N, C-alpha and C. Protein backbone atom coordinates (compact mmCIF):
# COMPACT_ATOMS: atom_id res chain seq x y z
N MET A 1 63.69 62.01 40.51
CA MET A 1 63.75 63.42 40.18
C MET A 1 62.53 64.13 40.77
N GLN A 2 62.76 65.22 41.41
CA GLN A 2 61.69 65.95 42.08
C GLN A 2 61.28 67.14 41.23
N TRP A 3 59.98 67.31 41.10
CA TRP A 3 59.46 68.43 40.30
C TRP A 3 59.01 69.55 41.22
N ILE A 4 59.38 70.76 40.86
CA ILE A 4 58.94 71.93 41.61
C ILE A 4 57.84 72.60 40.80
N THR A 5 56.74 72.78 41.45
CA THR A 5 55.62 73.40 40.73
C THR A 5 55.91 74.88 40.52
N PRO A 6 55.31 75.49 39.50
CA PRO A 6 55.53 76.93 39.24
C PRO A 6 55.12 77.81 40.41
N VAL A 7 54.13 77.39 41.17
CA VAL A 7 53.68 78.19 42.30
C VAL A 7 54.78 78.28 43.34
N ILE A 8 55.46 77.21 43.61
CA ILE A 8 56.53 77.21 44.59
C ILE A 8 57.71 78.04 44.08
N MET A 9 58.02 77.92 42.81
CA MET A 9 59.13 78.68 42.24
C MET A 9 58.85 80.18 42.31
N GLU A 10 57.59 80.54 42.14
CA GLU A 10 57.22 81.95 42.20
C GLU A 10 57.48 82.51 43.59
N ALA A 11 57.27 81.70 44.62
CA ALA A 11 57.47 82.15 45.99
C ALA A 11 58.95 82.21 46.35
N MET A 12 59.81 81.62 45.55
CA MET A 12 61.23 81.57 45.84
C MET A 12 61.98 82.68 45.11
N LYS A 13 61.50 83.88 45.20
CA LYS A 13 62.18 85.01 44.57
C LYS A 13 63.47 85.30 45.32
N PRO A 14 64.47 85.79 44.62
CA PRO A 14 65.71 86.11 45.33
C PRO A 14 65.49 87.30 46.26
N PRO A 15 66.20 87.34 47.39
CA PRO A 15 66.03 88.44 48.33
C PRO A 15 66.50 89.76 47.72
N MET A 16 65.96 90.84 48.25
CA MET A 16 66.31 92.17 47.75
C MET A 16 67.54 92.69 48.49
N TYR A 17 68.44 93.30 47.73
CA TYR A 17 69.62 93.93 48.31
C TYR A 17 69.81 95.28 47.62
N VAL A 18 70.44 96.18 48.32
CA VAL A 18 70.80 97.46 47.72
C VAL A 18 71.93 97.24 46.73
N GLY A 19 72.84 96.35 47.08
CA GLY A 19 73.99 96.11 46.22
C GLY A 19 75.15 96.99 46.64
N HIS A 20 76.14 97.09 45.78
CA HIS A 20 77.34 97.88 46.08
C HIS A 20 76.98 99.36 46.06
N LEU A 21 77.43 100.08 47.09
CA LEU A 21 77.16 101.51 47.20
C LEU A 21 78.37 102.30 46.72
N PRO A 22 78.16 103.29 45.88
CA PRO A 22 79.27 104.19 45.54
C PRO A 22 79.79 104.86 46.81
N SER A 23 81.05 105.24 46.82
CA SER A 23 81.67 105.77 48.05
C SER A 23 80.98 107.03 48.57
N ASP A 24 80.54 107.92 47.66
CA ASP A 24 79.88 109.14 48.13
C ASP A 24 78.54 108.82 48.80
N GLU A 25 77.81 107.83 48.24
CA GLU A 25 76.54 107.45 48.86
C GLU A 25 76.77 106.71 50.17
N GLN A 26 77.83 105.91 50.24
CA GLN A 26 78.19 105.21 51.47
C GLN A 26 78.46 106.23 52.58
N ARG A 27 79.22 107.28 52.26
CA ARG A 27 79.50 108.33 53.25
C ARG A 27 78.23 109.05 53.67
N ARG A 28 77.36 109.32 52.71
CA ARG A 28 76.10 110.01 53.00
C ARG A 28 75.24 109.17 53.95
N LEU A 29 75.18 107.87 53.73
CA LEU A 29 74.38 107.00 54.59
C LEU A 29 75.01 106.89 55.99
N GLU A 30 76.33 106.83 56.06
CA GLU A 30 76.99 106.76 57.37
C GLU A 30 76.80 108.07 58.14
N LYS A 31 76.80 109.18 57.43
CA LYS A 31 76.54 110.47 58.07
C LYS A 31 75.09 110.50 58.59
N GLY A 32 74.18 109.88 57.85
CA GLY A 32 72.78 109.84 58.25
C GLY A 32 72.53 109.06 59.53
N LEU A 33 73.49 108.21 59.92
CA LEU A 33 73.35 107.47 61.18
C LEU A 33 73.41 108.39 62.39
N ARG A 34 73.91 109.60 62.21
CA ARG A 34 73.97 110.59 63.30
C ARG A 34 72.84 111.62 63.19
N SER A 35 71.91 111.38 62.30
CA SER A 35 70.82 112.34 62.08
C SER A 35 69.85 112.37 63.26
N ARG A 36 69.28 113.54 63.50
CA ARG A 36 68.24 113.68 64.53
C ARG A 36 66.88 113.28 63.98
N ASP A 37 66.76 113.22 62.67
CA ASP A 37 65.50 112.84 62.03
C ASP A 37 65.38 111.32 62.05
N ALA A 38 64.37 110.81 62.75
CA ALA A 38 64.20 109.37 62.91
C ALA A 38 63.97 108.67 61.57
N PHE A 39 63.26 109.32 60.65
CA PHE A 39 63.00 108.73 59.34
C PHE A 39 64.31 108.50 58.60
N GLU A 40 65.14 109.53 58.56
CA GLU A 40 66.43 109.43 57.87
C GLU A 40 67.32 108.39 58.53
N LEU A 41 67.39 108.41 59.85
CA LEU A 41 68.20 107.46 60.59
C LEU A 41 67.80 106.03 60.26
N ARG A 42 66.49 105.74 60.31
CA ARG A 42 66.01 104.38 60.05
C ARG A 42 66.34 103.95 58.62
N ARG A 43 66.13 104.84 57.67
CA ARG A 43 66.43 104.49 56.28
C ARG A 43 67.93 104.24 56.08
N CYS A 44 68.77 105.02 56.71
CA CYS A 44 70.22 104.79 56.60
C CYS A 44 70.59 103.44 57.20
N GLN A 45 70.01 103.11 58.35
CA GLN A 45 70.29 101.82 58.96
C GLN A 45 69.89 100.68 58.03
N ILE A 46 68.71 100.79 57.44
CA ILE A 46 68.22 99.74 56.54
C ILE A 46 69.12 99.60 55.33
N LEU A 47 69.45 100.72 54.70
CA LEU A 47 70.24 100.67 53.46
C LEU A 47 71.66 100.17 53.71
N LEU A 48 72.27 100.56 54.80
CA LEU A 48 73.62 100.08 55.11
C LEU A 48 73.61 98.59 55.43
N ALA A 49 72.58 98.14 56.16
CA ALA A 49 72.48 96.71 56.47
C ALA A 49 72.25 95.90 55.20
N SER A 50 71.47 96.44 54.29
CA SER A 50 71.23 95.75 53.02
C SER A 50 72.50 95.70 52.17
N ALA A 51 73.28 96.78 52.19
CA ALA A 51 74.53 96.81 51.44
C ALA A 51 75.52 95.78 51.98
N ARG A 52 75.41 95.48 53.28
CA ARG A 52 76.28 94.47 53.88
C ARG A 52 75.78 93.06 53.58
N GLY A 53 74.64 92.93 52.92
CA GLY A 53 74.13 91.61 52.54
C GLY A 53 73.00 91.09 53.39
N GLY A 54 72.46 91.91 54.27
CA GLY A 54 71.35 91.46 55.11
C GLY A 54 70.07 91.31 54.29
N ARG A 55 69.34 90.25 54.59
CA ARG A 55 68.04 90.03 53.93
C ARG A 55 66.99 90.93 54.59
N PRO A 56 65.94 91.29 53.85
CA PRO A 56 64.90 92.15 54.44
C PRO A 56 64.33 91.61 55.74
N SER A 57 64.09 90.31 55.82
CA SER A 57 63.52 89.75 57.06
C SER A 57 64.51 89.86 58.22
N GLN A 58 65.80 89.67 57.95
CA GLN A 58 66.81 89.79 59.00
C GLN A 58 66.95 91.23 59.48
N ILE A 59 66.99 92.16 58.51
CA ILE A 59 67.11 93.58 58.85
C ILE A 59 65.91 94.02 59.67
N ALA A 60 64.72 93.60 59.25
CA ALA A 60 63.50 93.98 59.95
C ALA A 60 63.50 93.46 61.38
N ALA A 61 63.93 92.22 61.57
CA ALA A 61 63.98 91.66 62.93
C ALA A 61 64.98 92.41 63.79
N HIS A 62 66.11 92.77 63.21
CA HIS A 62 67.15 93.47 63.97
C HIS A 62 66.72 94.90 64.34
N LEU A 63 66.03 95.59 63.42
CA LEU A 63 65.66 96.99 63.65
C LEU A 63 64.27 97.16 64.26
N GLY A 64 63.52 96.09 64.34
CA GLY A 64 62.18 96.19 64.93
C GLY A 64 61.17 96.84 64.02
N CYS A 65 61.25 96.53 62.74
CA CYS A 65 60.25 97.03 61.79
C CYS A 65 59.76 95.84 60.97
N THR A 66 58.94 96.08 59.99
CA THR A 66 58.43 94.98 59.16
C THR A 66 59.32 94.77 57.95
N PRO A 67 59.34 93.56 57.41
CA PRO A 67 60.10 93.32 56.18
C PRO A 67 59.61 94.20 55.02
N GLN A 68 58.33 94.53 55.02
CA GLN A 68 57.80 95.38 53.95
C GLN A 68 58.40 96.78 54.04
N THR A 69 58.63 97.28 55.23
CA THR A 69 59.29 98.57 55.40
C THR A 69 60.69 98.53 54.80
N VAL A 70 61.39 97.43 55.01
CA VAL A 70 62.74 97.29 54.45
C VAL A 70 62.67 97.25 52.93
N ARG A 71 61.74 96.46 52.40
CA ARG A 71 61.61 96.38 50.93
C ARG A 71 61.22 97.73 50.33
N ASN A 72 60.32 98.45 51.00
CA ASN A 72 59.93 99.78 50.51
C ASN A 72 61.13 100.73 50.50
N THR A 73 61.96 100.65 51.52
CA THR A 73 63.15 101.51 51.59
C THR A 73 64.12 101.18 50.47
N ILE A 74 64.33 99.90 50.21
CA ILE A 74 65.25 99.49 49.14
C ILE A 74 64.72 99.96 47.79
N ARG A 75 63.42 99.80 47.57
CA ARG A 75 62.83 100.27 46.30
C ARG A 75 62.95 101.78 46.16
N ALA A 76 62.74 102.49 47.27
CA ALA A 76 62.87 103.95 47.24
C ALA A 76 64.31 104.35 46.90
N TYR A 77 65.27 103.61 47.42
CA TYR A 77 66.68 103.89 47.12
C TYR A 77 66.97 103.63 45.65
N TRP A 78 66.45 102.53 45.12
CA TRP A 78 66.66 102.23 43.70
C TRP A 78 66.09 103.34 42.82
N ALA A 79 64.98 103.91 43.25
CA ALA A 79 64.31 104.95 42.44
C ALA A 79 64.98 106.31 42.57
N ASP A 80 65.42 106.68 43.80
CA ASP A 80 65.88 108.05 44.05
C ASP A 80 67.25 108.16 44.70
N ALA A 81 67.97 107.08 44.85
CA ALA A 81 69.28 107.07 45.53
C ALA A 81 69.13 107.70 46.92
N THR A 82 70.04 108.55 47.32
CA THR A 82 70.00 109.08 48.69
C THR A 82 68.93 110.16 48.88
N ARG A 83 68.26 110.56 47.83
CA ARG A 83 67.13 111.51 47.99
C ARG A 83 65.97 110.84 48.73
N CYS A 84 66.00 109.51 48.81
CA CYS A 84 64.92 108.79 49.51
C CYS A 84 65.03 108.93 51.02
N LEU A 85 66.08 109.59 51.51
CA LEU A 85 66.27 109.71 52.95
C LEU A 85 65.38 110.77 53.58
N ARG A 86 64.81 111.62 52.80
CA ARG A 86 63.90 112.65 53.30
C ARG A 86 62.46 112.16 53.16
N ALA A 87 61.70 112.33 54.20
CA ALA A 87 60.29 111.93 54.18
C ALA A 87 59.53 112.85 53.24
N ARG A 88 58.71 112.27 52.43
CA ARG A 88 57.86 113.06 51.54
C ARG A 88 56.52 113.29 52.20
N SER A 89 55.80 114.21 51.67
CA SER A 89 54.48 114.53 52.21
C SER A 89 53.56 113.32 52.06
N SER A 90 52.77 113.07 53.09
CA SER A 90 51.80 111.98 53.03
C SER A 90 50.46 112.48 52.48
N ARG A 91 50.41 113.75 52.17
CA ARG A 91 49.19 114.34 51.64
C ARG A 91 48.92 113.80 50.24
N PRO A 92 47.69 113.46 49.94
CA PRO A 92 47.40 112.94 48.61
C PRO A 92 47.66 114.00 47.54
N LYS A 93 48.13 113.56 46.38
CA LYS A 93 48.43 114.50 45.30
C LYS A 93 47.15 115.13 44.75
N THR A 94 46.09 114.37 44.73
CA THR A 94 44.80 114.92 44.33
C THR A 94 43.76 114.45 45.33
N ALA A 95 42.79 115.27 45.54
CA ALA A 95 41.70 114.91 46.45
C ALA A 95 40.39 115.34 45.81
N ALA A 96 39.49 114.41 45.70
CA ALA A 96 38.19 114.72 45.14
C ALA A 96 37.39 115.50 46.16
N PRO A 97 36.63 116.49 45.71
CA PRO A 97 35.82 117.25 46.66
C PRO A 97 34.77 116.35 47.31
N MET A 98 34.46 116.63 48.55
CA MET A 98 33.49 115.83 49.28
C MET A 98 32.12 115.91 48.62
N LEU A 99 31.80 117.07 48.08
CA LEU A 99 30.50 117.27 47.43
C LEU A 99 30.73 117.42 45.92
N ASP A 100 30.45 116.36 45.17
CA ASP A 100 30.60 116.45 43.72
C ASP A 100 29.44 117.27 43.15
N GLU A 101 29.37 117.35 41.82
CA GLU A 101 28.38 118.23 41.19
C GLU A 101 26.95 117.85 41.54
N ALA A 102 26.65 116.56 41.52
CA ALA A 102 25.28 116.12 41.85
C ALA A 102 24.92 116.46 43.30
N LYS A 103 25.87 116.26 44.20
CA LYS A 103 25.61 116.55 45.61
C LYS A 103 25.49 118.06 45.84
N ARG A 104 26.26 118.84 45.08
CA ARG A 104 26.15 120.29 45.21
C ARG A 104 24.77 120.77 44.76
N GLU A 105 24.23 120.14 43.73
CA GLU A 105 22.89 120.53 43.29
C GLU A 105 21.85 120.17 44.34
N ARG A 106 22.03 119.04 45.02
CA ARG A 106 21.12 118.69 46.11
C ARG A 106 21.26 119.69 47.26
N LEU A 107 22.49 120.13 47.51
CA LEU A 107 22.72 121.16 48.53
C LEU A 107 22.00 122.45 48.14
N ARG A 108 22.10 122.83 46.88
CA ARG A 108 21.41 124.04 46.41
C ARG A 108 19.91 123.92 46.63
N ALA A 109 19.34 122.75 46.32
CA ALA A 109 17.90 122.55 46.50
C ALA A 109 17.53 122.64 47.98
N ILE A 110 18.36 122.10 48.84
CA ILE A 110 18.10 122.18 50.28
C ILE A 110 18.11 123.63 50.74
N LEU A 111 19.09 124.40 50.28
CA LEU A 111 19.21 125.79 50.73
C LEU A 111 18.11 126.69 50.19
N HIS A 112 17.42 126.24 49.13
CA HIS A 112 16.30 127.02 48.62
C HIS A 112 15.03 126.81 49.44
N GLU A 113 15.10 125.90 50.39
CA GLU A 113 13.97 125.69 51.30
C GLU A 113 14.33 126.30 52.65
N THR A 114 13.35 126.47 53.49
CA THR A 114 13.61 127.00 54.82
C THR A 114 14.08 125.87 55.73
N PRO A 115 14.95 126.16 56.67
CA PRO A 115 15.39 125.11 57.60
C PRO A 115 14.23 124.50 58.39
N ARG A 116 13.17 125.27 58.56
CA ARG A 116 12.01 124.76 59.30
C ARG A 116 11.37 123.56 58.60
N SER A 117 11.48 123.50 57.26
CA SER A 117 10.91 122.36 56.54
C SER A 117 11.69 121.07 56.83
N PHE A 118 12.87 121.18 57.43
CA PHE A 118 13.66 120.02 57.83
C PHE A 118 13.60 119.80 59.34
N GLY A 119 12.64 120.49 59.99
CA GLY A 119 12.44 120.31 61.42
C GLY A 119 13.40 121.10 62.29
N LYS A 120 13.99 122.15 61.75
CA LYS A 120 14.93 122.96 62.52
C LYS A 120 14.18 124.15 63.13
N PRO A 121 14.61 124.62 64.29
CA PRO A 121 13.87 125.68 64.99
C PRO A 121 14.20 127.09 64.51
N THR A 122 14.88 127.24 63.41
CA THR A 122 15.26 128.57 62.92
C THR A 122 14.87 128.71 61.46
N SER A 123 14.82 129.94 61.00
CA SER A 123 14.51 130.17 59.59
C SER A 123 15.75 130.65 58.83
N LEU A 124 16.89 130.76 59.52
CA LEU A 124 18.12 131.22 58.89
C LEU A 124 19.11 130.06 58.72
N TRP A 125 19.66 129.94 57.52
CA TRP A 125 20.67 128.92 57.27
C TRP A 125 22.02 129.38 57.79
N THR A 126 22.74 128.48 58.41
CA THR A 126 24.15 128.67 58.73
C THR A 126 24.90 127.54 58.04
N LEU A 127 26.20 127.69 57.90
CA LEU A 127 26.98 126.64 57.28
C LEU A 127 26.91 125.35 58.10
N ARG A 128 26.96 125.48 59.41
CA ARG A 128 26.88 124.31 60.28
C ARG A 128 25.53 123.61 60.13
N LEU A 129 24.47 124.40 60.05
CA LEU A 129 23.13 123.83 59.87
C LEU A 129 23.01 123.16 58.50
N ALA A 130 23.58 123.76 57.47
CA ALA A 130 23.56 123.16 56.14
C ALA A 130 24.31 121.82 56.13
N ALA A 131 25.45 121.75 56.82
CA ALA A 131 26.20 120.50 56.91
C ALA A 131 25.40 119.43 57.64
N GLU A 132 24.71 119.85 58.70
CA GLU A 132 23.90 118.91 59.48
C GLU A 132 22.75 118.36 58.64
N VAL A 133 22.04 119.24 57.92
CA VAL A 133 20.91 118.81 57.10
C VAL A 133 21.39 117.95 55.92
N CYS A 134 22.53 118.28 55.35
CA CYS A 134 23.07 117.45 54.27
C CYS A 134 23.31 116.03 54.74
N PHE A 135 23.84 115.88 55.94
CA PHE A 135 24.07 114.55 56.50
C PHE A 135 22.75 113.84 56.75
N GLU A 136 21.79 114.55 57.36
CA GLU A 136 20.50 113.95 57.68
C GLU A 136 19.73 113.55 56.43
N GLN A 137 19.89 114.29 55.34
CA GLN A 137 19.17 114.01 54.10
C GLN A 137 19.92 113.02 53.20
N GLY A 138 21.10 112.57 53.64
CA GLY A 138 21.85 111.58 52.87
C GLY A 138 22.68 112.16 51.73
N VAL A 139 22.86 113.47 51.71
CA VAL A 139 23.70 114.08 50.69
C VAL A 139 25.15 113.70 50.93
N THR A 140 25.55 113.67 52.21
CA THR A 140 26.91 113.25 52.58
C THR A 140 26.80 112.03 53.48
N CYS A 141 27.84 111.20 53.45
CA CYS A 141 27.83 109.97 54.25
C CYS A 141 28.23 110.23 55.70
N ARG A 142 28.78 111.40 55.97
CA ARG A 142 29.14 111.79 57.34
C ARG A 142 29.00 113.30 57.43
N ARG A 143 29.04 113.80 58.67
CA ARG A 143 28.98 115.25 58.83
C ARG A 143 30.25 115.87 58.29
N VAL A 144 30.09 116.81 57.39
CA VAL A 144 31.25 117.48 56.82
C VAL A 144 31.49 118.79 57.57
N SER A 145 32.65 119.34 57.37
CA SER A 145 32.99 120.59 58.05
C SER A 145 32.28 121.76 57.37
N ILE A 146 32.24 122.88 58.07
CA ILE A 146 31.62 124.06 57.46
C ILE A 146 32.47 124.56 56.30
N ASP A 147 33.78 124.29 56.33
CA ASP A 147 34.63 124.68 55.20
C ASP A 147 34.29 123.87 53.95
N SER A 148 33.92 122.61 54.11
CA SER A 148 33.50 121.80 52.95
C SER A 148 32.25 122.40 52.32
N ILE A 149 31.32 122.82 53.15
CA ILE A 149 30.10 123.45 52.63
C ILE A 149 30.44 124.77 51.96
N ARG A 150 31.31 125.56 52.58
CA ARG A 150 31.71 126.85 52.01
C ARG A 150 32.37 126.66 50.64
N ARG A 151 33.29 125.67 50.54
CA ARG A 151 33.96 125.42 49.26
C ARG A 151 32.98 124.93 48.20
N ALA A 152 32.02 124.12 48.60
CA ALA A 152 31.01 123.65 47.66
C ALA A 152 30.18 124.82 47.13
N LEU A 153 29.83 125.74 48.02
CA LEU A 153 29.07 126.92 47.59
C LEU A 153 29.91 127.80 46.67
N GLN A 154 31.21 127.93 46.96
CA GLN A 154 32.09 128.71 46.09
C GLN A 154 32.16 128.10 44.70
N ARG A 155 32.23 126.76 44.63
CA ARG A 155 32.26 126.09 43.33
C ARG A 155 30.98 126.34 42.53
N MET A 156 29.88 126.55 43.26
CA MET A 156 28.61 126.84 42.58
C MET A 156 28.48 128.32 42.26
N GLY A 157 29.44 129.12 42.70
CA GLY A 157 29.38 130.56 42.44
C GLY A 157 28.46 131.29 43.40
N VAL A 158 28.20 130.70 44.55
CA VAL A 158 27.32 131.30 45.54
C VAL A 158 28.18 131.92 46.63
N GLY A 159 27.98 133.20 46.90
CA GLY A 159 28.67 133.85 48.00
C GLY A 159 27.92 133.57 49.29
N TRP A 160 28.62 133.44 50.38
CA TRP A 160 27.97 133.14 51.65
C TRP A 160 28.44 134.13 52.68
N LYS A 161 27.49 134.77 53.31
CA LYS A 161 27.79 135.66 54.42
C LYS A 161 26.96 135.22 55.60
N ARG A 162 27.50 135.41 56.76
CA ARG A 162 26.80 135.03 57.98
C ARG A 162 25.51 135.85 58.11
N ALA A 163 24.47 135.22 58.58
CA ALA A 163 23.19 135.91 58.76
C ALA A 163 23.32 136.96 59.85
N LYS A 164 22.73 138.10 59.61
CA LYS A 164 22.76 139.18 60.58
C LYS A 164 21.33 139.61 60.86
N HIS A 165 21.09 139.94 62.09
CA HIS A 165 19.76 140.43 62.46
C HIS A 165 19.79 141.96 62.41
N TRP A 166 18.91 142.53 61.62
CA TRP A 166 18.85 143.98 61.47
C TRP A 166 17.51 144.46 62.02
N ILE A 167 17.56 145.52 62.76
CA ILE A 167 16.33 146.15 63.23
C ILE A 167 16.10 147.36 62.33
N THR A 168 15.05 147.34 61.59
CA THR A 168 14.75 148.45 60.70
C THR A 168 13.33 148.92 60.95
N SER A 169 13.08 150.13 60.49
CA SER A 169 11.74 150.69 60.65
C SER A 169 11.45 151.55 59.43
N PRO A 170 10.20 151.57 59.00
CA PRO A 170 9.85 152.44 57.88
C PRO A 170 9.81 153.92 58.27
N ASP A 171 9.90 154.22 59.56
CA ASP A 171 9.86 155.59 60.05
C ASP A 171 11.14 156.31 59.62
N PRO A 172 11.05 157.46 58.90
CA PRO A 172 12.25 158.17 58.46
C PRO A 172 13.06 158.74 59.62
N HIS A 173 12.47 158.92 60.78
CA HIS A 173 13.17 159.47 61.94
C HIS A 173 13.64 158.38 62.92
N TYR A 174 13.63 157.13 62.48
CA TYR A 174 13.96 156.00 63.35
C TYR A 174 15.37 156.13 63.92
N ALA A 175 16.36 156.43 63.07
CA ALA A 175 17.75 156.51 63.52
C ALA A 175 17.90 157.60 64.58
N LEU A 176 17.23 158.74 64.37
CA LEU A 176 17.31 159.83 65.33
C LEU A 176 16.68 159.43 66.66
N LYS A 177 15.50 158.79 66.59
CA LYS A 177 14.83 158.38 67.82
C LYS A 177 15.67 157.34 68.57
N LYS A 178 16.31 156.41 67.81
CA LYS A 178 17.10 155.36 68.43
C LYS A 178 18.31 155.96 69.14
N SER A 179 18.97 156.91 68.51
CA SER A 179 20.15 157.51 69.12
C SER A 179 19.77 158.32 70.37
N ASN A 180 18.60 158.95 70.36
CA ASN A 180 18.14 159.69 71.54
C ASN A 180 17.76 158.76 72.68
N ALA A 181 17.24 157.57 72.35
CA ALA A 181 16.85 156.62 73.37
C ALA A 181 18.07 156.01 74.07
N ILE A 182 19.15 155.84 73.30
CA ILE A 182 20.36 155.25 73.88
C ILE A 182 21.07 156.30 74.74
N GLY A 183 21.21 157.51 74.24
CA GLY A 183 22.01 158.54 74.93
C GLY A 183 21.27 159.34 75.87
């Protein structure tokens, strides 16, 4: 008598199949074989092959994809039926901000100093310069975009406007003199 260890039995899981398809879903999948959308076409091919009894490894070899892609498609079908034929957004449902609260406070401290104290040749902060200094000071692990800096400042309640150079004079007739010099 031969004994099979539990480890081997665990590896001998039955193959995944879609099973019997209701006639309306069968028609929907067959219609999807004429789709211009490659995602829908591939999923229809996988699901119809599985309904015919094909194993994931066989289907994958025939279609030129991985067995995991076939298993993922079958699981998606079990969860959503033919709604799984449309590609969903790959965008994450939630995204943590690049600059959390502690990093935003370090950004605030940096912006309260002059850029010259960080070896920069200007005395005016720009968003690009702030992103560069944050990276150099280890606030961020990589250079972030100026929009990341802008959003971090918005979260802190800080408004940001581009620096402008103004020529002013205490002379009350300055504007008149300037307009006469130009014209």
